[in-house]
Full PDB file with SEQRES, HELIX, SHEET, SSBOND, CRYST1, ORIGX, SCALE, CONECT and MASTER records, all heavy atoms in Angstrom:
SEQRES   1 A   38  ILE GLU HIS LEU SER LYS LYS PHE GLY ASP LEU VAL VAL          
SEQRES   2 A   38  LEU LYS ASP VAL THR ILE GLU ILE LYS ALA GLY GLU VAL          
SEQRES   3 A   38  ILE SER ILE ILE GLY PRO SER GLY THR GLY LYS SER              
SHEET    1 AA1 2 LEU A   4  PHE A   8  0                                        
SHEET    2 AA1 2 LEU A  11  VAL A  17 -1                                        
CRYST1    1.000    1.000    1.000  90.00  90.00  90.00 P 1           1          
ORIGX1      1.000000  0.000000  0.000000        0.00000                         
ORIGX2      0.000000  1.000000  0.000000        0.00000                         
ORIGX3      0.000000  0.000000  1.000000        0.00000                         
SCALE1      1.000000  0.000000  0.000000        0.00000                         
SCALE2      0.000000  1.000000  0.000000        0.00000                         
SCALE3      0.000000  0.000000  1.000000        0.00000                         
ATOM      1  N   ILE A   1      18.042  -5.786  76.340  1.00  0.00           N  
ATOM      2  CA  ILE A   1      16.651  -5.505  76.709  1.00  0.00           C  
ATOM      3  C   ILE A   1      15.847  -6.786  76.550  1.00  0.00           C  
ATOM      4  O   ILE A   1      15.912  -7.447  75.505  1.00  0.00           O  
ATOM      5  CB  ILE A   1      16.070  -4.391  75.815  1.00  0.00           C  
ATOM      6  CG1 ILE A   1      16.867  -3.094  76.040  1.00  0.00           C  
ATOM      7  CG2 ILE A   1      14.595  -4.168  76.100  1.00  0.00           C  
ATOM      8  CD1 ILE A   1      16.611  -2.046  75.001  1.00  0.00           C  
ATOM      9  N   GLU A   2      15.109  -7.151  77.597  1.00  0.00           N  
ATOM     10  CA  GLU A   2      14.361  -8.406  77.585  1.00  0.00           C  
ATOM     11  C   GLU A   2      12.898  -8.152  77.934  1.00  0.00           C  
ATOM     12  O   GLU A   2      12.573  -7.601  78.976  1.00  0.00           O  
ATOM     13  CB  GLU A   2      14.963  -9.388  78.595  1.00  0.00           C  
ATOM     14  CG  GLU A   2      16.412  -9.778  78.299  1.00  0.00           C  
ATOM     15  CD  GLU A   2      17.002 -10.669  79.371  1.00  0.00           C  
ATOM     16  OE1 GLU A   2      17.033 -10.242  80.549  1.00  0.00           O  
ATOM     17  OE2 GLU A   2      17.418 -11.789  79.024  1.00  0.00           O  
ATOM     18  N   HIS A   3      12.024  -8.530  77.022  1.00  0.00           N  
ATOM     19  CA  HIS A   3      10.570  -8.533  77.242  1.00  0.00           C  
ATOM     20  C   HIS A   3      10.060  -7.188  77.775  1.00  0.00           C  
ATOM     21  O   HIS A   3       9.214  -7.135  78.681  1.00  0.00           O  
ATOM     22  CB  HIS A   3      10.180  -9.666  78.196  1.00  0.00           C  
ATOM     23  CG  HIS A   3      10.724 -11.005  77.790  1.00  0.00           C  
ATOM     24  ND1 HIS A   3      10.346 -11.630  76.619  1.00  0.00           N  
ATOM     25  CD2 HIS A   3      11.666 -11.814  78.372  1.00  0.00           C  
ATOM     26  CE1 HIS A   3      11.000 -12.787  76.508  1.00  0.00           C  
ATOM     27  NE2 HIS A   3      11.817 -12.912  77.544  1.00  0.00           N  
ATOM     28  N   LEU A   4      10.566  -6.110  77.202  1.00  0.00           N  
ATOM     29  CA  LEU A   4      10.190  -4.772  77.655  1.00  0.00           C  
ATOM     30  C   LEU A   4       8.755  -4.451  77.233  1.00  0.00           C  
ATOM     31  O   LEU A   4       8.361  -4.683  76.089  1.00  0.00           O  
ATOM     32  CB  LEU A   4      11.141  -3.743  77.041  1.00  0.00           C  
ATOM     33  CG  LEU A   4      10.958  -2.291  77.477  1.00  0.00           C  
ATOM     34  CD1 LEU A   4      11.346  -2.133  78.938  1.00  0.00           C  
ATOM     35  CD2 LEU A   4      11.803  -1.362  76.601  1.00  0.00           C  
ATOM     36  N   SER A   5       7.989  -3.911  78.163  1.00  0.00           N  
ATOM     37  CA  SER A   5       6.615  -3.490  77.859  1.00  0.00           C  
ATOM     38  C   SER A   5       6.333  -2.150  78.524  1.00  0.00           C  
ATOM     39  O   SER A   5       6.955  -1.786  79.519  1.00  0.00           O  
ATOM     40  CB  SER A   5       5.596  -4.540  78.339  1.00  0.00           C  
ATOM     41  OG  SER A   5       5.638  -4.667  79.757  1.00  0.00           O  
ATOM     42  N   LYS A   6       5.397  -1.423  77.939  1.00  0.00           N  
ATOM     43  CA  LYS A   6       5.018  -0.123  78.500  1.00  0.00           C  
ATOM     44  C   LYS A   6       3.555   0.149  78.195  1.00  0.00           C  
ATOM     45  O   LYS A   6       3.111   0.041  77.052  1.00  0.00           O  
ATOM     46  CB  LYS A   6       5.891   0.995  77.912  1.00  0.00           C  
ATOM     47  CG  LYS A   6       5.494   2.397  78.372  1.00  0.00           C  
ATOM     48  CD  LYS A   6       5.608   2.567  79.886  1.00  0.00           C  
ATOM     49  CE  LYS A   6       5.184   3.964  80.324  1.00  0.00           C  
ATOM     50  NZ  LYS A   6       5.205   4.108  81.810  1.00  0.00           N  
ATOM     51  N   LYS A   7       2.810   0.494  79.251  1.00  0.00           N  
ATOM     52  CA  LYS A   7       1.407   0.877  79.121  1.00  0.00           C  
ATOM     53  C   LYS A   7       1.210   2.279  79.675  1.00  0.00           C  
ATOM     54  O   LYS A   7       1.862   2.675  80.646  1.00  0.00           O  
ATOM     55  CB  LYS A   7       0.506  -0.086  79.901  1.00  0.00           C  
ATOM     56  CG  LYS A   7       0.490  -1.516  79.395  1.00  0.00           C  
ATOM     57  CD  LYS A   7      -0.447  -2.373  80.251  1.00  0.00           C  
ATOM     58  CE  LYS A   7      -0.469  -3.822  79.793  1.00  0.00           C  
ATOM     59  NZ  LYS A   7      -1.352  -4.643  80.662  1.00  0.00           N  
ATOM     60  N   PHE A   8       0.322   3.032  79.056  1.00  0.00           N  
ATOM     61  CA  PHE A   8      -0.169   4.291  79.608  1.00  0.00           C  
ATOM     62  C   PHE A   8      -1.655   4.088  79.854  1.00  0.00           C  
ATOM     63  O   PHE A   8      -2.472   4.193  78.932  1.00  0.00           O  
ATOM     64  CB  PHE A   8       0.062   5.450  78.637  1.00  0.00           C  
ATOM     65  CG  PHE A   8       1.518   5.790  78.428  1.00  0.00           C  
ATOM     66  CD1 PHE A   8       2.202   5.331  77.316  1.00  0.00           C  
ATOM     67  CD2 PHE A   8       2.207   6.560  79.361  1.00  0.00           C  
ATOM     68  CE1 PHE A   8       3.543   5.649  77.122  1.00  0.00           C  
ATOM     69  CE2 PHE A   8       3.543   6.881  79.176  1.00  0.00           C  
ATOM     70  CZ  PHE A   8       4.210   6.415  78.053  1.00  0.00           C  
ATOM     71  N   GLY A   9      -2.012   3.736  81.095  1.00  0.00           N  
ATOM     72  CA  GLY A   9      -3.398   3.369  81.370  1.00  0.00           C  
ATOM     73  C   GLY A   9      -3.730   2.075  80.654  1.00  0.00           C  
ATOM     74  O   GLY A   9      -3.037   1.065  80.793  1.00  0.00           O  
ATOM     75  N   ASP A  10      -4.783   2.104  79.832  1.00  0.00           N  
ATOM     76  CA  ASP A  10      -5.176   0.923  79.062  1.00  0.00           C  
ATOM     77  C   ASP A  10      -4.463   0.844  77.713  1.00  0.00           C  
ATOM     78  O   ASP A  10      -4.608  -0.143  76.995  1.00  0.00           O  
ATOM     79  CB  ASP A  10      -6.696   0.927  78.826  1.00  0.00           C  
ATOM     80  CG  ASP A  10      -7.488   0.767  80.121  1.00  0.00           C  
ATOM     81  OD1 ASP A  10      -6.953   0.123  81.056  1.00  0.00           O  
ATOM     82  OD2 ASP A  10      -8.620   1.288  80.201  1.00  0.00           O  
ATOM     83  N   LEU A  11      -3.718   1.893  77.377  1.00  0.00           N  
ATOM     84  CA  LEU A  11      -3.037   1.928  76.080  1.00  0.00           C  
ATOM     85  C   LEU A  11      -1.702   1.193  76.160  1.00  0.00           C  
ATOM     86  O   LEU A  11      -0.808   1.583  76.915  1.00  0.00           O  
ATOM     87  CB  LEU A  11      -2.806   3.379  75.642  1.00  0.00           C  
ATOM     88  CG  LEU A  11      -2.056   3.574  74.318  1.00  0.00           C  
ATOM     89  CD1 LEU A  11      -2.853   2.983  73.162  1.00  0.00           C  
ATOM     90  CD2 LEU A  11      -1.755   5.048  74.089  1.00  0.00           C  
ATOM     91  N   VAL A  12      -1.568   0.126  75.394  1.00  0.00           N  
ATOM     92  CA  VAL A  12      -0.323  -0.646  75.344  1.00  0.00           C  
ATOM     93  C   VAL A  12       0.550  -0.062  74.235  1.00  0.00           C  
ATOM     94  O   VAL A  12       0.189  -0.109  73.057  1.00  0.00           O  
ATOM     95  CB  VAL A  12      -0.597  -2.135  75.079  1.00  0.00           C  
ATOM     96  CG1 VAL A  12       0.721  -2.911  75.020  1.00  0.00           C  
ATOM     97  CG2 VAL A  12      -1.501  -2.713  76.148  1.00  0.00           C  
ATOM     98  N   VAL A  13       1.698   0.497  74.610  1.00  0.00           N  
ATOM     99  CA  VAL A  13       2.574   1.160  73.636  1.00  0.00           C  
ATOM    100  C   VAL A  13       3.716   0.249  73.206  1.00  0.00           C  
ATOM    101  O   VAL A  13       4.092   0.212  72.035  1.00  0.00           O  
ATOM    102  CB  VAL A  13       3.129   2.478  74.218  1.00  0.00           C  
ATOM    103  CG1 VAL A  13       4.031   3.177  73.211  1.00  0.00           C  
ATOM    104  CG2 VAL A  13       1.979   3.401  74.619  1.00  0.00           C  
ATOM    105  N   LEU A  14       4.288  -0.488  74.148  1.00  0.00           N  
ATOM    106  CA  LEU A  14       5.362  -1.438  73.835  1.00  0.00           C  
ATOM    107  C   LEU A  14       4.940  -2.837  74.259  1.00  0.00           C  
ATOM    108  O   LEU A  14       4.394  -3.021  75.354  1.00  0.00           O  
ATOM    109  CB  LEU A  14       6.658  -1.062  74.558  1.00  0.00           C  
ATOM    110  CG  LEU A  14       7.320   0.265  74.164  1.00  0.00           C  
ATOM    111  CD1 LEU A  14       8.561   0.502  75.011  1.00  0.00           C  
ATOM    112  CD2 LEU A  14       7.683   0.288  72.682  1.00  0.00           C  
ATOM    113  N   LYS A  15       5.221  -3.825  73.397  1.00  0.00           N  
ATOM    114  CA  LYS A  15       4.812  -5.199  73.661  1.00  0.00           C  
ATOM    115  C   LYS A  15       6.014  -6.133  73.520  1.00  0.00           C  
ATOM    116  O   LYS A  15       6.489  -6.350  72.405  1.00  0.00           O  
ATOM    117  CB  LYS A  15       3.731  -5.645  72.673  1.00  0.00           C  
ATOM    118  CG  LYS A  15       2.540  -4.708  72.543  1.00  0.00           C  
ATOM    119  CD  LYS A  15       1.653  -5.134  71.382  1.00  0.00           C  
ATOM    120  CE  LYS A  15       0.544  -4.145  71.122  1.00  0.00           C  
ATOM    121  NZ  LYS A  15      -0.242  -4.513  69.925  1.00  0.00           N  
ATOM    122  N   ASP A  16       6.528  -6.628  74.622  1.00  0.00           N  
ATOM    123  CA  ASP A  16       7.516  -7.700  74.597  1.00  0.00           C  
ATOM    124  C   ASP A  16       8.692  -7.416  73.663  1.00  0.00           C  
ATOM    125  O   ASP A  16       8.998  -8.193  72.751  1.00  0.00           O  
ATOM    126  CB  ASP A  16       6.832  -9.015  74.188  1.00  0.00           C  
ATOM    127  CG  ASP A  16       7.698 -10.228  74.530  1.00  0.00           C  
ATOM    128  OD1 ASP A  16       8.571 -10.099  75.415  1.00  0.00           O  
ATOM    129  OD2 ASP A  16       7.519 -11.279  73.896  1.00  0.00           O  
ATOM    130  N   VAL A  17       9.366  -6.290  73.879  1.00  0.00           N  
ATOM    131  CA  VAL A  17      10.517  -5.916  73.050  1.00  0.00           C  
ATOM    132  C   VAL A  17      11.786  -6.540  73.628  1.00  0.00           C  
ATOM    133  O   VAL A  17      12.122  -6.322  74.791  1.00  0.00           O  
ATOM    134  CB  VAL A  17      10.684  -4.380  72.988  1.00  0.00           C  
ATOM    135  CG1 VAL A  17      11.943  -4.012  72.206  1.00  0.00           C  
ATOM    136  CG2 VAL A  17       9.458  -3.745  72.343  1.00  0.00           C  
ATOM    137  N   THR A  18      12.480  -7.312  72.817  1.00  0.00           N  
ATOM    138  CA  THR A  18      13.738  -7.945  73.224  1.00  0.00           C  
ATOM    139  C   THR A  18      14.795  -7.655  72.171  1.00  0.00           C  
ATOM    140  O   THR A  18      14.577  -7.915  70.988  1.00  0.00           O  
ATOM    141  CB  THR A  18      13.558  -9.464  73.387  1.00  0.00           C  
ATOM    142  OG1 THR A  18      12.612  -9.718  74.442  1.00  0.00           O  
ATOM    143  CG2 THR A  18      14.877 -10.135  73.724  1.00  0.00           C  
ATOM    144  N   ILE A  19      15.930  -7.104  72.595  1.00  0.00           N  
ATOM    145  CA  ILE A  19      16.989  -6.733  71.648  1.00  0.00           C  
ATOM    146  C   ILE A  19      18.304  -6.560  72.395  1.00  0.00           C  
ATOM    147  O   ILE A  19      18.308  -6.211  73.580  1.00  0.00           O  
ATOM    148  CB  ILE A  19      16.619  -5.424  70.887  1.00  0.00           C  
ATOM    149  CG1 ILE A  19      17.598  -5.150  69.748  1.00  0.00           C  
ATOM    150  CG2 ILE A  19      16.560  -4.240  71.837  1.00  0.00           C  
ATOM    151  CD1 ILE A  19      17.455  -6.031  68.564  1.00  0.00           C  
ATOM    152  N   GLU A  20      19.412  -6.818  71.731  1.00  0.00           N  
ATOM    153  CA  GLU A  20      20.737  -6.542  72.281  1.00  0.00           C  
ATOM    154  C   GLU A  20      21.464  -5.573  71.358  1.00  0.00           C  
ATOM    155  O   GLU A  20      21.351  -5.660  70.135  1.00  0.00           O  
ATOM    156  CB  GLU A  20      21.559  -7.833  72.418  1.00  0.00           C  
ATOM    157  CG  GLU A  20      21.049  -8.764  73.498  1.00  0.00           C  
ATOM    158  CD  GLU A  20      21.973  -9.952  73.722  1.00  0.00           C  
ATOM    159  OE1 GLU A  20      23.129  -9.890  73.243  1.00  0.00           O  
ATOM    160  OE2 GLU A  20      21.546 -10.920  74.365  1.00  0.00           O  
ATOM    161  N   ILE A  21      22.186  -4.619  71.950  1.00  0.00           N  
ATOM    162  CA  ILE A  21      22.985  -3.656  71.188  1.00  0.00           C  
ATOM    163  C   ILE A  21      24.420  -3.762  71.681  1.00  0.00           C  
ATOM    164  O   ILE A  21      24.694  -3.593  72.867  1.00  0.00           O  
ATOM    165  CB  ILE A  21      22.456  -2.220  71.372  1.00  0.00           C  
ATOM    166  CG1 ILE A  21      21.001  -2.132  70.901  1.00  0.00           C  
ATOM    167  CG2 ILE A  21      23.327  -1.224  70.602  1.00  0.00           C  
ATOM    168  CD1 ILE A  21      20.341  -0.781  71.161  1.00  0.00           C  
ATOM    169  N   LYS A  22      25.334  -4.057  70.776  1.00  0.00           N  
ATOM    170  CA  LYS A  22      26.736  -4.237  71.147  1.00  0.00           C  
ATOM    171  C   LYS A  22      27.463  -2.895  71.187  1.00  0.00           C  
ATOM    172  O   LYS A  22      27.029  -1.917  70.566  1.00  0.00           O  
ATOM    173  CB  LYS A  22      27.414  -5.169  70.138  1.00  0.00           C  
ATOM    174  CG  LYS A  22      26.826  -6.564  70.099  1.00  0.00           C  
ATOM    175  CD  LYS A  22      27.492  -7.404  69.023  1.00  0.00           C  
ATOM    176  CE  LYS A  22      26.865  -8.792  68.942  1.00  0.00           C  
ATOM    177  NZ  LYS A  22      27.475  -9.609  67.858  1.00  0.00           N  
ATOM    178  N   ALA A  23      28.571  -2.863  71.899  1.00  0.00           N  
ATOM    179  CA  ALA A  23      29.399  -1.658  71.959  1.00  0.00           C  
ATOM    180  C   ALA A  23      29.859  -1.284  70.554  1.00  0.00           C  
ATOM    181  O   ALA A  23      30.304  -2.131  69.787  1.00  0.00           O  
ATOM    182  CB  ALA A  23      30.605  -1.890  72.862  1.00  0.00           C  
ATOM    183  N   GLY A  24      29.716  -0.009  70.216  1.00  0.00           N  
ATOM    184  CA  GLY A  24      30.143   0.484  68.913  1.00  0.00           C  
ATOM    185  C   GLY A  24      29.105   0.328  67.816  1.00  0.00           C  
ATOM    186  O   GLY A  24      29.309   0.802  66.695  1.00  0.00           O  
ATOM    187  N   GLU A  25      27.978  -0.313  68.116  1.00  0.00           N  
ATOM    188  CA  GLU A  25      26.932  -0.476  67.101  1.00  0.00           C  
ATOM    189  C   GLU A  25      26.114   0.802  66.940  1.00  0.00           C  
ATOM    190  O   GLU A  25      25.894   1.539  67.909  1.00  0.00           O  
ATOM    191  CB  GLU A  25      25.975  -1.613  67.486  1.00  0.00           C  
ATOM    192  CG  GLU A  25      26.339  -2.952  66.912  1.00  0.00           C  
ATOM    193  CD  GLU A  25      25.167  -3.928  66.960  1.00  0.00           C  
ATOM    194  OE1 GLU A  25      24.584  -4.110  68.040  1.00  0.00           O  
ATOM    195  OE2 GLU A  25      24.856  -4.511  65.920  1.00  0.00           O  
ATOM    196  N   VAL A  26      25.657   1.028  65.720  1.00  0.00           N  
ATOM    197  CA  VAL A  26      24.716   2.106  65.442  1.00  0.00           C  
ATOM    198  C   VAL A  26      23.417   1.452  64.975  1.00  0.00           C  
ATOM    199  O   VAL A  26      23.384   0.777  63.941  1.00  0.00           O  
ATOM    200  CB  VAL A  26      25.245   3.064  64.366  1.00  0.00           C  
ATOM    201  CG1 VAL A  26      24.220   4.163  64.085  1.00  0.00           C  
ATOM    202  CG2 VAL A  26      26.569   3.676  64.798  1.00  0.00           C  
ATOM    203  N   ILE A  27      22.367   1.644  65.762  1.00  0.00           N  
ATOM    204  CA  ILE A  27      21.066   1.049  65.482  1.00  0.00           C  
ATOM    205  C   ILE A  27      20.098   2.151  65.065  1.00  0.00           C  
ATOM    206  O   ILE A  27      19.902   3.119  65.803  1.00  0.00           O  
ATOM    207  CB  ILE A  27      20.504   0.324  66.724  1.00  0.00           C  
ATOM    208  CG1 ILE A  27      21.496  -0.695  67.260  1.00  0.00           C  
ATOM    209  CG2 ILE A  27      19.157  -0.315  66.410  1.00  0.00           C  
ATOM    210  CD1 ILE A  27      21.771  -1.849  66.343  1.00  0.00           C  
ATOM    211  N   SER A  28      19.517   2.018  63.888  1.00  0.00           N  
ATOM    212  CA  SER A  28      18.459   2.944  63.477  1.00  0.00           C  
ATOM    213  C   SER A  28      17.112   2.274  63.686  1.00  0.00           C  
ATOM    214  O   SER A  28      16.941   1.085  63.374  1.00  0.00           O  
ATOM    215  CB  SER A  28      18.617   3.344  62.009  1.00  0.00           C  
ATOM    216  OG  SER A  28      19.691   4.236  61.850  1.00  0.00           O  
ATOM    217  N   ILE A  29      16.170   3.036  64.234  1.00  0.00           N  
ATOM    218  CA  ILE A  29      14.830   2.521  64.529  1.00  0.00           C  
ATOM    219  C   ILE A  29      13.849   3.281  63.648  1.00  0.00           C  
ATOM    220  O   ILE A  29      13.713   4.502  63.750  1.00  0.00           O  
ATOM    221  CB  ILE A  29      14.484   2.707  66.017  1.00  0.00           C  
ATOM    222  CG1 ILE A  29      15.562   2.054  66.885  1.00  0.00           C  
ATOM    223  CG2 ILE A  29      13.121   2.122  66.330  1.00  0.00           C  
ATOM    224  CD1 ILE A  29      15.555   2.506  68.328  1.00  0.00           C  
ATOM    225  N   ILE A  30      13.201   2.555  62.746  1.00  0.00           N  
ATOM    226  CA  ILE A  30      12.277   3.169  61.808  1.00  0.00           C  
ATOM    227  C   ILE A  30      10.895   2.571  61.994  1.00  0.00           C  
ATOM    228  O   ILE A  30      10.730   1.550  62.660  1.00  0.00           O  
ATOM    229  CB  ILE A  30      12.755   2.995  60.349  1.00  0.00           C  
ATOM    230  CG1 ILE A  30      12.783   1.496  59.971  1.00  0.00           C  
ATOM    231  CG2 ILE A  30      14.142   3.611  60.157  1.00  0.00           C  
ATOM    232  CD1 ILE A  30      13.077   1.238  58.501  1.00  0.00           C  
ATOM    233  N   GLY A  31       9.907   3.197  61.393  1.00  0.00           N  
ATOM    234  CA  GLY A  31       8.543   2.683  61.456  1.00  0.00           C  
ATOM    235  C   GLY A  31       7.546   3.818  61.415  1.00  0.00           C  
ATOM    236  O   GLY A  31       7.907   4.994  61.533  1.00  0.00           O  
ATOM    237  N   PRO A  32       6.253   3.498  61.264  1.00  0.00           N  
ATOM    238  CA  PRO A  32       5.213   4.529  61.211  1.00  0.00           C  
ATOM    239  C   PRO A  32       5.138   5.318  62.513  1.00  0.00           C  
ATOM    240  O   PRO A  32       5.595   4.867  63.568  1.00  0.00           O  
ATOM    241  CB  PRO A  32       3.925   3.722  60.990  1.00  0.00           C  
ATOM    242  CG  PRO A  32       4.373   2.384  60.496  1.00  0.00           C  
ATOM    243  CD  PRO A  32       5.712   2.140  61.108  1.00  0.00           C  
ATOM    244  N   SER A  33       4.549   6.493  62.440  1.00  0.00           N  
ATOM    245  CA  SER A  33       4.337   7.303  63.645  1.00  0.00           C  
ATOM    246  C   SER A  33       3.375   6.583  64.585  1.00  0.00           C  
ATOM    247  O   SER A  33       2.454   5.888  64.148  1.00  0.00           O  
ATOM    248  CB  SER A  33       3.759   8.670  63.263  1.00  0.00           C  
ATOM    249  OG  SER A  33       4.669   9.373  62.442  1.00  0.00           O  
ATOM    250  N   GLY A  34       3.621   6.747  65.883  1.00  0.00           N  
ATOM    251  CA  GLY A  34       2.711   6.188  66.874  1.00  0.00           C  
ATOM    252  C   GLY A  34       2.894   4.708  67.147  1.00  0.00           C  
ATOM    253  O   GLY A  34       2.001   4.061  67.700  1.00  0.00           O  
ATOM    254  N   THR A  35       4.060   4.151  66.783  1.00  0.00           N  
ATOM    255  CA  THR A  35       4.276   2.716  66.989  1.00  0.00           C  
ATOM    256  C   THR A  35       5.221   2.426  68.155  1.00  0.00           C  
ATOM    257  O   THR A  35       5.675   1.303  68.303  1.00  0.00           O  
ATOM    258  CB  THR A  35       4.827   2.060  65.708  1.00  0.00           C  
ATOM    259  OG1 THR A  35       6.018   2.752  65.306  1.00  0.00           O  
ATOM    260  CG2 THR A  35       3.823   2.108  64.592  1.00  0.00           C  
ATOM    261  N   GLY A  36       5.552   3.446  68.970  1.00  0.00           N  
ATOM    262  CA  GLY A  36       6.316   3.210  70.187  1.00  0.00           C  
ATOM    263  C   GLY A  36       7.810   3.441  70.088  1.00  0.00           C  
ATOM    264  O   GLY A  36       8.543   3.151  71.038  1.00  0.00           O  
ATOM    265  N   LYS A  37       8.289   4.011  68.980  1.00  0.00           N  
ATOM    266  CA  LYS A  37       9.743   4.179  68.802  1.00  0.00           C  
ATOM    267  C   LYS A  37      10.327   5.127  69.850  1.00  0.00           C  
ATOM    268  O   LYS A  37      11.329   4.807  70.504  1.00  0.00           O  
ATOM    269  CB  LYS A  37      10.038   4.719  67.391  1.00  0.00           C  
ATOM    270  CG  LYS A  37       9.509   3.850  66.266  1.00  0.00           C  
ATOM    271  CD  LYS A  37       9.918   4.359  64.908  1.00  0.00           C  
ATOM    272  CE  LYS A  37       9.452   5.778  64.600  1.00  0.00           C  
ATOM    273  NZ  LYS A  37       7.975   5.881  64.572  1.00  0.00           N  
ATOM    274  N   SER A  38       9.721   6.305  70.010  1.00  0.00           N  
ATOM    275  CA  SER A  38      10.240   7.268  70.987  1.00  0.00           C  
ATOM    276  C   SER A  38      10.059   6.763  72.409  1.00  0.00           C  
ATOM    277  O   SER A  38      10.937   6.950  73.265  1.00  0.00           O  
ATOM    278  CB  SER A  38       9.539   8.623  70.815  1.00  0.00           C  
ATOM    279  OG  SER A  38       9.880   9.207  69.566  1.00  0.00           O  
TER     280      SER A  38                                                      
MASTER        0    0    0    0    2    0    0    6  279    1    0    3          
END                                                                             
């Protein structure tokens, strides 16, 4: 994933997300509610 962004109208939910996930990896995504995880 390279420089991923997502807006809903004027609301910026994702900002420049860059990450690689290898085959067989288990990635847990944590953080406060409302920070764009889902």
